[in-house]
Amino acid sequence: MSFFNDRFKEDQYLRPKLEGVRFNSSFSEDNALLIAKFEESEVKVIVWECGNLKILGPDEFNFMFIKIKVFWNFLKEDVFHIVFLSFQM
């Protein structure tokens, strides 16, 4: 046990401190925007702004596939639910 205690104990040294550093803080209006529910139209804008050759996952469907008008009408609810659920966690 002493072998592992010696191997994994932390040496004492001075750690840097952040005294006097000012961090930006958000205001209540910003907080309200961050937690506000988003609309389907906002999700569509984000999807349309993504590069067409970007791939979402291992299924190899890229954003061009999702953006095609026929497929968007079919997939928009699923995309919206995926985005909505990912922000609920």
PDB file of N, CA and C in Angstrom:
ATOM      1  N   MET A   1       0.826  -1.190   0.000  1.00  0.00           N
ATOM      2  CA  MET A   1       0.000   0.000   0.000  1.00  0.00           C
ATOM      3  C   MET A   1       0.878   1.264   0.000  1.00  0.00           C
ATOM      4  N   SER A   2       1.963   1.215   0.709  1.00  0.00           N
ATOM      5  CA  SER A   2       2.831   2.393   0.759  1.00  0.00           C
ATOM      6  C   SER A   2       3.449   2.685  -0.608  1.00  0.00           C
ATOM      7  N   PHE A   3       3.670   1.619  -1.406  1.00  0.00           N
ATOM      8  CA  PHE A   3       4.190   1.824  -2.763  1.00  0.00           C
ATOM      9  C   PHE A   3       3.249   2.723  -3.565  1.00  0.00           C
ATOM     10  N   PHE A   4       1.940   2.392  -3.544  1.00  0.00           N
ATOM     11  CA  PHE A   4       0.963   3.169  -4.308  1.00  0.00           C
ATOM     12  C   PHE A   4       0.737   4.549  -3.699  1.00  0.00           C
ATOM     13  N   ASN A   5       0.773   4.649  -2.401  1.00  0.00           N
ATOM     14  CA  ASN A   5       0.648   5.954  -1.762  1.00  0.00           C
ATOM     15  C   ASN A   5       1.772   6.881  -2.206  1.00  0.00           C
ATOM     16  N   ASP A   6       2.986   6.337  -2.280  1.00  0.00           N
ATOM     17  CA  ASP A   6       4.119   7.150  -2.723  1.00  0.00           C
ATOM     18  C   ASP A   6       4.003   7.513  -4.201  1.00  0.00           C
ATOM     19  N   ARG A   7       3.512   6.601  -5.002  1.00  0.00           N
ATOM     20  CA  ARG A   7       3.406   6.828  -6.444  1.00  0.00           C
ATOM     21  C   ARG A   7       2.339   7.861  -6.804  1.00  0.00           C
ATOM     22  N   PHE A   8       1.231   7.833  -6.099  1.00  0.00           N
ATOM     23  CA  PHE A   8       0.084   8.627  -6.520  1.00  0.00           C
ATOM     24  C   PHE A   8      -0.230   9.820  -5.630  1.00  0.00           C
ATOM     25  N   LYS A   9       0.584  10.069  -4.630  1.00  0.00           N
ATOM     26  CA  LYS A   9       0.311  11.248  -3.819  1.00  0.00           C
ATOM     27  C   LYS A   9       0.767  12.489  -4.578  1.00  0.00           C
ATOM     28  N   GLU A  10       0.094  13.557  -4.342  1.00  0.00           N
ATOM     29  CA  GLU A  10       0.377  14.807  -5.040  1.00  0.00           C
ATOM     30  C   GLU A  10       1.480  15.552  -4.313  1.00  0.00           C
ATOM     31  N   ASP A  11       2.452  15.974  -5.076  1.00  0.00           N
ATOM     32  CA  ASP A  11       3.513  16.792  -4.498  1.00  0.00           C
ATOM     33  C   ASP A  11       2.943  18.152  -4.120  1.00  0.00           C
ATOM     34  N   GLN A  12       3.483  18.705  -3.070  1.00  0.00           N
ATOM     35  CA  GLN A  12       3.043  20.028  -2.640  1.00  0.00           C
ATOM     36  C   GLN A  12       3.733  21.084  -3.503  1.00  0.00           C
ATOM     37  N   TYR A  13       2.967  21.880  -4.150  1.00  0.00           N
ATOM     38  CA  TYR A  13       3.514  22.996  -4.901  1.00  0.00           C
ATOM     39  C   TYR A  13       2.474  24.106  -4.935  1.00  0.00           C
ATOM     40  N   LEU A  14       2.909  25.278  -5.252  1.00  0.00           N
ATOM     41  CA  LEU A  14       2.001  26.417  -5.282  1.00  0.00           C
ATOM     42  C   LEU A  14       1.160  26.372  -6.557  1.00  0.00           C
ATOM     43  N   ARG A  15      -0.119  26.421  -6.367  1.00  0.00           N
ATOM     44  CA  ARG A  15      -1.034  26.451  -7.502  1.00  0.00           C
ATOM     45  C   ARG A  15      -1.340  27.902  -7.861  1.00  0.00           C
ATOM     46  N   PRO A  16      -1.514  28.183  -9.135  1.00  0.00           N
ATOM     47  CA  PRO A  16      -1.865  29.560  -9.510  1.00  0.00           C
ATOM     48  C   PRO A  16      -3.248  29.927  -8.979  1.00  0.00           C
ATOM     49  N   LYS A  17      -3.412  31.177  -8.635  1.00  0.00           N
ATOM     50  CA  LYS A  17      -4.693  31.667  -8.129  1.00  0.00           C
ATOM     51  C   LYS A  17      -5.233  32.711  -9.092  1.00  0.00           C
ATOM     52  N   LEU A  18      -6.520  32.881  -9.076  1.00  0.00           N
ATOM     53  CA  LEU A  18      -7.172  33.846  -9.961  1.00  0.00           C
ATOM     54  C   LEU A  18      -7.670  35.066  -9.192  1.00  0.00           C
ATOM     55  N   GLU A  19      -6.921  35.460  -8.218  1.00  0.00           N
ATOM     56  CA  GLU A  19      -7.329  36.619  -7.440  1.00  0.00           C
ATOM     57  C   GLU A  19      -7.247  37.873  -8.295  1.00  0.00           C
ATOM     58  N   GLY A  20      -8.270  38.676  -8.245  1.00  0.00           N
ATOM     59  CA  GLY A  20      -8.294  39.921  -8.987  1.00  0.00           C
ATOM     60  C   GLY A  20      -8.725  39.785 -10.438  1.00  0.00           C
ATOM     61  N   VAL A  21      -9.004  38.555 -10.900  1.00  0.00           N
ATOM     62  CA  VAL A  21      -9.452  38.364 -12.279  1.00  0.00           C
ATOM     63  C   VAL A  21     -10.966  38.514 -12.311  1.00  0.00           C
ATOM     64  N   ARG A  22     -11.422  39.376 -13.199  1.00  0.00           N
ATOM     65  CA  ARG A  22     -12.870  39.595 -13.308  1.00  0.00           C
ATOM     66  C   ARG A  22     -13.401  38.794 -14.481  1.00  0.00           C
ATOM     67  N   PHE A  23     -14.430  38.017 -14.234  1.00  0.00           N
ATOM     68  CA  PHE A  23     -15.073  37.239 -15.272  1.00  0.00           C
ATOM     69  C   PHE A  23     -16.339  37.956 -15.723  1.00  0.00           C
ATOM     70  N   ASN A  24     -16.638  37.829 -17.003  1.00  0.00           N
ATOM     71  CA  ASN A  24     -17.889  38.395 -17.499  1.00  0.00           C
ATOM     72  C   ASN A  24     -19.059  37.646 -16.883  1.00  0.00           C
ATOM     73  N   SER A  25     -20.094  38.367 -16.570  1.00  0.00           N
ATOM     74  CA  SER A  25     -21.295  37.724 -16.032  1.00  0.00           C
ATOM     75  C   SER A  25     -22.476  38.099 -16.905  1.00  0.00           C
ATOM     76  N   SER A  26     -23.465  37.242 -16.888  1.00  0.00           N
ATOM     77  CA  SER A  26     -24.642  37.518 -17.710  1.00  0.00           C
ATOM     78  C   SER A  26     -25.700  38.211 -16.867  1.00  0.00           C
ATOM     79  N   PHE A  27     -26.527  38.966 -17.545  1.00  0.00           N
ATOM     80  CA  PHE A  27     -27.595  39.687 -16.873  1.00  0.00           C
ATOM     81  C   PHE A  27     -28.890  38.895 -16.982  1.00  0.00           C
ATOM     82  N   SER A  28     -29.893  39.299 -16.272  1.00  0.00           N
ATOM     83  CA  SER A  28     -31.150  38.553 -16.253  1.00  0.00           C
ATOM     84  C   SER A  28     -31.771  38.450 -17.640  1.00  0.00           C
ATOM     85  N   GLU A  29     -31.604  39.484 -18.487  1.00  0.00           N
ATOM     86  CA  GLU A  29     -32.151  39.411 -19.848  1.00  0.00           C
ATOM     87  C   GLU A  29     -31.439  38.316 -20.645  1.00  0.00           C
ATOM     88  N   ASP A  30     -30.114  38.245 -20.482  1.00  0.00           N
ATOM     89  CA  ASP A  30     -29.350  37.200 -21.160  1.00  0.00           C
ATOM     90  C   ASP A  30     -29.768  35.822 -20.664  1.00  0.00           C
ATOM     91  N   ASN A  31     -29.944  35.686 -19.361  1.00  0.00           N
ATOM     92  CA  ASN A  31     -30.363  34.406 -18.797  1.00  0.00           C
ATOM     93  C   ASN A  31     -31.720  33.992 -19.339  1.00  0.00           C
ATOM     94  N   ALA A  32     -32.612  34.942 -19.478  1.00  0.00           N
ATOM     95  CA  ALA A  32     -33.946  34.625 -20.002  1.00  0.00           C
ATOM     96  C   ALA A  32     -33.851  34.106 -21.430  1.00  0.00           C
ATOM     97  N   LEU A  33     -32.963  34.695 -22.230  1.00  0.00           N
ATOM     98  CA  LEU A  33     -32.784  34.215 -23.610  1.00  0.00           C
ATOM     99  C   LEU A  33     -32.161  32.824 -23.643  1.00  0.00           C
ATOM    100  N   LEU A  34     -31.268  32.551 -22.708  1.00  0.00           N
ATOM    101  CA  LEU A  34     -30.594  31.259 -22.691  1.00  0.00           C
ATOM    102  C   LEU A  34     -31.530  30.115 -22.321  1.00  0.00           C
ATOM    103  N   ILE A  35     -32.529  30.384 -21.501  1.00  0.00           N
ATOM    104  CA  ILE A  35     -33.427  29.311 -21.073  1.00  0.00           C
ATOM    105  C   ILE A  35     -34.770  29.356 -21.784  1.00  0.00           C
ATOM    106  N   ALA A  36     -34.946  30.294 -22.693  1.00  0.00           N
ATOM    107  CA  ALA A  36     -36.220  30.405 -23.414  1.00  0.00           C
ATOM    108  C   ALA A  36     -36.399  29.224 -24.359  1.00  0.00           C
ATOM    109  N   LYS A  37     -37.635  28.839 -24.574  1.00  0.00           N
ATOM    110  CA  LYS A  37     -37.924  27.771 -25.533  1.00  0.00           C
ATOM    111  C   LYS A  37     -37.674  28.297 -26.931  1.00  0.00           C
ATOM    112  N   PHE A  38     -37.194  27.441 -27.790  1.00  0.00           N
ATOM    113  CA  PHE A  38     -36.918  27.864 -29.153  1.00  0.00           C
ATOM    114  C   PHE A  38     -38.003  27.346 -30.081  1.00  0.00           C
ATOM    115  N   GLU A  39     -38.131  28.016 -31.186  1.00  0.00           N
ATOM    116  CA  GLU A  39     -39.172  27.705 -32.163  1.00  0.00           C
ATOM    117  C   GLU A  39     -38.627  26.800 -33.261  1.00  0.00           C
ATOM    118  N   GLU A  40     -39.526  26.127 -33.932  1.00  0.00           N
ATOM    119  CA  GLU A  40     -39.151  25.263 -35.045  1.00  0.00           C
ATOM    120  C   GLU A  40     -38.430  26.051 -36.135  1.00  0.00           C
ATOM    121  N   SER A  41     -38.844  27.289 -36.341  1.00  0.00           N
ATOM    122  CA  SER A  41     -38.200  28.120 -37.369  1.00  0.00           C
ATOM    123  C   SER A  41     -36.740  28.393 -37.016  1.00  0.00           C
ATOM    124  N   GLU A  42     -36.412  28.526 -35.728  1.00  0.00           N
ATOM    125  CA  GLU A  42     -35.031  28.739 -35.313  1.00  0.00           C
ATOM    126  C   GLU A  42     -34.175  27.506 -35.594  1.00  0.00           C
ATOM    127  N   VAL A  43     -34.743  26.323 -35.360  1.00  0.00           N
ATOM    128  CA  VAL A  43     -34.019  25.084 -35.644  1.00  0.00           C
ATOM    129  C   VAL A  43     -33.757  24.981 -37.143  1.00  0.00           C
ATOM    130  N   LYS A  44     -34.747  25.340 -37.954  1.00  0.00           N
ATOM    131  CA  LYS A  44     -34.575  25.280 -39.402  1.00  0.00           C
ATOM    132  C   LYS A  44     -33.453  26.215 -39.847  1.00  0.00           C
ATOM    133  N   VAL A  45     -33.392  27.411 -39.295  1.00  0.00           N
ATOM    134  CA  VAL A  45     -32.342  28.358 -39.657  1.00  0.00           C
ATOM    135  C   VAL A  45     -30.970  27.766 -39.334  1.00  0.00           C
ATOM    136  N   ILE A  46     -30.840  27.130 -38.183  1.00  0.00           N
ATOM    137  CA  ILE A  46     -29.559  26.541 -37.789  1.00  0.00           C
ATOM    138  C   ILE A  46     -29.179  25.405 -38.725  1.00  0.00           C
ATOM    139  N   VAL A  47     -30.148  24.549 -39.068  1.00  0.00           N
ATOM    140  CA  VAL A  47     -29.869  23.442 -39.992  1.00  0.00           C
ATOM    141  C   VAL A  47     -29.444  23.993 -41.344  1.00  0.00           C
ATOM    142  N   TRP A  48     -30.127  25.027 -41.821  1.00  0.00           N
ATOM    143  CA  TRP A  48     -29.805  25.594 -43.136  1.00  0.00           C
ATOM    144  C   TRP A  48     -28.439  26.272 -43.138  1.00  0.00           C
ATOM    145  N   GLU A  49     -27.975  26.752 -41.992  1.00  0.00           N
ATOM    146  CA  GLU A  49     -26.675  27.414 -41.917  1.00  0.00           C
ATOM    147  C   GLU A  49     -25.513  26.428 -41.809  1.00  0.00           C
ATOM    148  N   CYS A  50     -25.793  25.171 -41.502  1.00  0.00           N
ATOM    149  CA  CYS A  50     -24.728  24.171 -41.406  1.00  0.00           C
ATOM    150  C   CYS A  50     -24.228  23.800 -42.791  1.00  0.00           C
ATOM    151  N   GLY A  51     -22.962  23.442 -42.877  1.00  0.00           N
ATOM    152  CA  GLY A  51     -22.384  23.033 -44.151  1.00  0.00           C
ATOM    153  C   GLY A  51     -23.074  21.792 -44.698  1.00  0.00           C
ATOM    154  N   ASN A  52     -23.296  21.761 -46.001  1.00  0.00           N
ATOM    155  CA  ASN A  52     -24.034  20.658 -46.616  1.00  0.00           C
ATOM    156  C   ASN A  52     -23.315  19.320 -46.490  1.00  0.00           C
ATOM    157  N   LEU A  53     -22.020  19.329 -46.378  1.00  0.00           N
ATOM    158  CA  LEU A  53     -21.280  18.074 -46.333  1.00  0.00           C
ATOM    159  C   LEU A  53     -21.020  17.581 -44.912  1.00  0.00           C
ATOM    160  N   LYS A  54     -21.503  18.306 -43.913  1.00  0.00           N
ATOM    161  CA  LYS A  54     -21.350  17.871 -42.528  1.00  0.00           C
ATOM    162  C   LYS A  54     -22.233  16.648 -42.292  1.00  0.00           C
ATOM    163  N   ILE A  55     -21.699  15.672 -41.571  1.00  0.00           N
ATOM    164  CA  ILE A  55     -22.436  14.442 -41.297  1.00  0.00           C
ATOM    165  C   ILE A  55     -22.808  14.426 -39.824  1.00  0.00           C
ATOM    166  N   LEU A  56     -24.089  14.111 -39.539  1.00  0.00           N
ATOM    167  CA  LEU A  56     -24.586  14.121 -38.169  1.00  0.00           C
ATOM    168  C   LEU A  56     -24.088  12.934 -37.355  1.00  0.00           C
ATOM    169  N   GLY A  57     -23.925  11.803 -37.996  1.00  0.00           N
ATOM    170  CA  GLY A  57     -23.529  10.619 -37.246  1.00  0.00           C
ATOM    171  C   GLY A  57     -23.141   9.486 -38.162  1.00  0.00           C
ATOM    172  N   PRO A  58     -23.102   8.287 -37.618  1.00  0.00           N
ATOM    173  CA  PRO A  58     -22.617   7.144 -38.390  1.00  0.00           C
ATOM    174  C   PRO A  58     -23.530   6.706 -39.537  1.00  0.00           C
ATOM    175  N   ASP A  59     -24.748   7.229 -39.615  1.00  0.00           N
ATOM    176  CA  ASP A  59     -25.644   6.846 -40.710  1.00  0.00           C
ATOM    177  C   ASP A  59     -25.265   7.505 -42.030  1.00  0.00           C
ATOM    178  N   GLU A  60     -24.340   8.452 -41.986  1.00  0.00           N
ATOM    179  CA  GLU A  60     -23.782   9.142 -43.143  1.00  0.00           C
ATOM    180  C   GLU A  60     -24.780  10.015 -43.898  1.00  0.00           C
ATOM    181  N   PHE A  61     -25.889  10.378 -43.285  1.00  0.00           N
ATOM    182  CA  PHE A  61     -26.794  11.346 -43.902  1.00  0.00           C
ATOM    183  C   PHE A  61     -26.256  12.732 -43.591  1.00  0.00           C
ATOM    184  N   ASN A  62     -25.961  13.505 -44.616  1.00  0.00           N
ATOM    185  CA  ASN A  62     -25.413  14.831 -44.392  1.00  0.00           C
ATOM    186  C   ASN A  62     -26.534  15.871 -44.370  1.00  0.00           C
ATOM    187  N   PHE A  63     -26.169  17.114 -44.098  1.00  0.00           N
ATOM    188  CA  PHE A  63     -27.168  18.171 -44.002  1.00  0.00           C
ATOM    189  C   PHE A  63     -27.856  18.447 -45.335  1.00  0.00           C
ATOM    190  N   MET A  64     -27.193  18.155 -46.447  1.00  0.00           N
ATOM    191  CA  MET A  64     -27.827  18.356 -47.748  1.00  0.00           C
ATOM    192  C   MET A  64     -29.051  17.462 -47.867  1.00  0.00           C
ATOM    193  N   PHE A  65     -28.952  16.242 -47.349  1.00  0.00           N
ATOM    194  CA  PHE A  65     -30.089  15.316 -47.366  1.00  0.00           C
ATOM    195  C   PHE A  65     -31.250  15.870 -46.544  1.00  0.00           C
ATOM    196  N   ILE A  66     -30.931  16.426 -45.381  1.00  0.00           N
ATOM    197  CA  ILE A  66     -31.989  16.945 -44.500  1.00  0.00           C
ATOM    198  C   ILE A  66     -32.609  18.204 -45.082  1.00  0.00           C
ATOM    199  N   LYS A  67     -31.798  19.020 -45.763  1.00  0.00           N
ATOM    200  CA  LYS A  67     -32.281  20.304 -46.263  1.00  0.00           C
ATOM    201  C   LYS A  67     -33.156  20.190 -47.505  1.00  0.00           C
ATOM    202  N   ILE A  68     -33.050  19.092 -48.230  1.00  0.00           N
ATOM    203  CA  ILE A  68     -33.898  18.959 -49.416  1.00  0.00           C
ATOM    204  C   ILE A  68     -35.343  19.096 -48.958  1.00  0.00           C
ATOM    205  N   LYS A  69     -36.078  19.904 -49.639  1.00  0.00           N
ATOM    206  CA  LYS A  69     -37.407  20.298 -49.189  1.00  0.00           C
ATOM    207  C   LYS A  69     -38.297  19.105 -48.849  1.00  0.00           C
ATOM    208  N   VAL A  70     -38.286  18.089 -49.683  1.00  0.00           N
ATOM    209  CA  VAL A  70     -39.144  16.924 -49.445  1.00  0.00           C
ATOM    210  C   VAL A  70     -38.759  16.241 -48.137  1.00  0.00           C
ATOM    211  N   PHE A  71     -37.454  16.073 -47.902  1.00  0.00           N
ATOM    212  CA  PHE A  71     -37.020  15.378 -46.711  1.00  0.00           C
ATOM    213  C   PHE A  71     -37.166  16.252 -45.467  1.00  0.00           C
ATOM    214  N   TRP A  72     -36.997  17.565 -45.610  1.00  0.00           N
ATOM    215  CA  TRP A  72     -37.162  18.441 -44.452  1.00  0.00           C
ATOM    216  C   TRP A  72     -38.581  18.352 -43.914  1.00  0.00           C
ATOM    217  N   ASN A  73     -39.564  18.351 -44.786  1.00  0.00           N
ATOM    218  CA  ASN A  73     -40.954  18.241 -44.329  1.00  0.00           C
ATOM    219  C   ASN A  73     -41.189  16.920 -43.609  1.00  0.00           C
ATOM    220  N   PHE A  74     -40.474  15.889 -44.012  1.00  0.00           N
ATOM    221  CA  PHE A  74     -40.619  14.587 -43.388  1.00  0.00           C
ATOM    222  C   PHE A  74     -39.831  14.494 -42.072  1.00  0.00           C
ATOM    223  N   LEU A  75     -38.682  15.135 -42.020  1.00  0.00           N
ATOM    224  CA  LEU A  75     -37.769  14.994 -40.883  1.00  0.00           C
ATOM    225  C   LEU A  75     -37.812  16.125 -39.862  1.00  0.00           C
ATOM    226  N   LYS A  76     -38.466  17.231 -40.169  1.00  0.00           N
ATOM    227  CA  LYS A  76     -38.362  18.409 -39.301  1.00  0.00           C
ATOM    228  C   LYS A  76     -38.825  18.143 -37.872  1.00  0.00           C
ATOM    229  N   GLU A  77     -39.871  17.363 -37.692  1.00  0.00           N
ATOM    230  CA  GLU A  77     -40.340  17.092 -36.326  1.00  0.00           C
ATOM    231  C   GLU A  77     -39.304  16.285 -35.551  1.00  0.00           C
ATOM    232  N   ASP A  78     -38.680  15.300 -36.203  1.00  0.00           N
ATOM    233  CA  ASP A  78     -37.659  14.499 -35.529  1.00  0.00           C
ATOM    234  C   ASP A  78     -36.444  15.343 -35.174  1.00  0.00           C
ATOM    235  N   VAL A  79     -36.016  16.181 -36.100  1.00  0.00           N
ATOM    236  CA  VAL A  79     -34.869  17.061 -35.830  1.00  0.00           C
ATOM    237  C   VAL A  79     -35.202  17.988 -34.670  1.00  0.00           C
ATOM    238  N   PHE A  80     -36.389  18.559 -34.681  1.00  0.00           N
ATOM    239  CA  PHE A  80     -36.799  19.470 -33.608  1.00  0.00           C
ATOM    240  C   PHE A  80     -36.802  18.740 -32.260  1.00  0.00           C
ATOM    241  N   HIS A  81     -37.342  17.525 -32.226  1.00  0.00           N
ATOM    242  CA  HIS A  81     -37.400  16.781 -30.966  1.00  0.00           C
ATOM    243  C   HIS A  81     -36.002  16.410 -30.468  1.00  0.00           C
ATOM    244  N   ILE A  82     -35.111  16.066 -31.387  1.00  0.00           N
ATOM    245  CA  ILE A  82     -33.741  15.742 -30.980  1.00  0.00           C
ATOM    246  C   ILE A  82     -33.071  16.967 -30.363  1.00  0.00           C
ATOM    247  N   VAL A  83     -33.223  18.106 -31.007  1.00  0.00           N
ATOM    248  CA  VAL A  83     -32.619  19.341 -30.482  1.00  0.00           C
ATOM    249  C   VAL A  83     -33.269  19.708 -29.155  1.00  0.00           C
ATOM    250  N   PHE A  84     -34.580  19.603 -29.072  1.00  0.00           N
ATOM    251  CA  PHE A  84     -35.296  19.955 -27.848  1.00  0.00           C
ATOM    252  C   PHE A  84     -34.867  19.044 -26.697  1.00  0.00           C
ATOM    253  N   LEU A  85     -34.782  17.735 -26.943  1.00  0.00           N
ATOM    254  CA  LEU A  85     -34.421  16.807 -25.888  1.00  0.00           C
ATOM    255  C   LEU A  85     -32.971  16.989 -25.454  1.00  0.00           C
ATOM    256  N   SER A  86     -32.091  17.318 -26.372  1.00  0.00           N
ATOM    257  CA  SER A  86     -30.684  17.494 -25.996  1.00  0.00           C
ATOM    258  C   SER A  86     -30.501  18.702 -25.085  1.00  0.00           C
ATOM    259  N   PHE A  87     -31.364  19.697 -25.181  1.00  0.00           N
ATOM    260  CA  PHE A  87     -31.250  20.872 -24.312  1.00  0.00           C
ATOM    261  C   PHE A  87     -31.988  20.701 -23.009  1.00  0.00           C
ATOM    262  N   GLN A  88     -32.763  19.628 -22.856  1.00  0.00           N
ATOM    263  CA  GLN A  88     -33.471  19.381 -21.606  1.00  0.00           C
ATOM    264  C   GLN A  88     -32.590  18.696 -20.576  1.00  0.00           C
ATOM    265  N   MET A  89     -31.466  18.121 -21.006  1.00  0.00           N
ATOM    266  CA  MET A  89     -30.612  17.370 -20.082  1.00  0.00           C
ATOM    267  C   MET A  89     -29.803  18.277 -19.223  1.00  0.00           C
TER     268      MET A  89
END
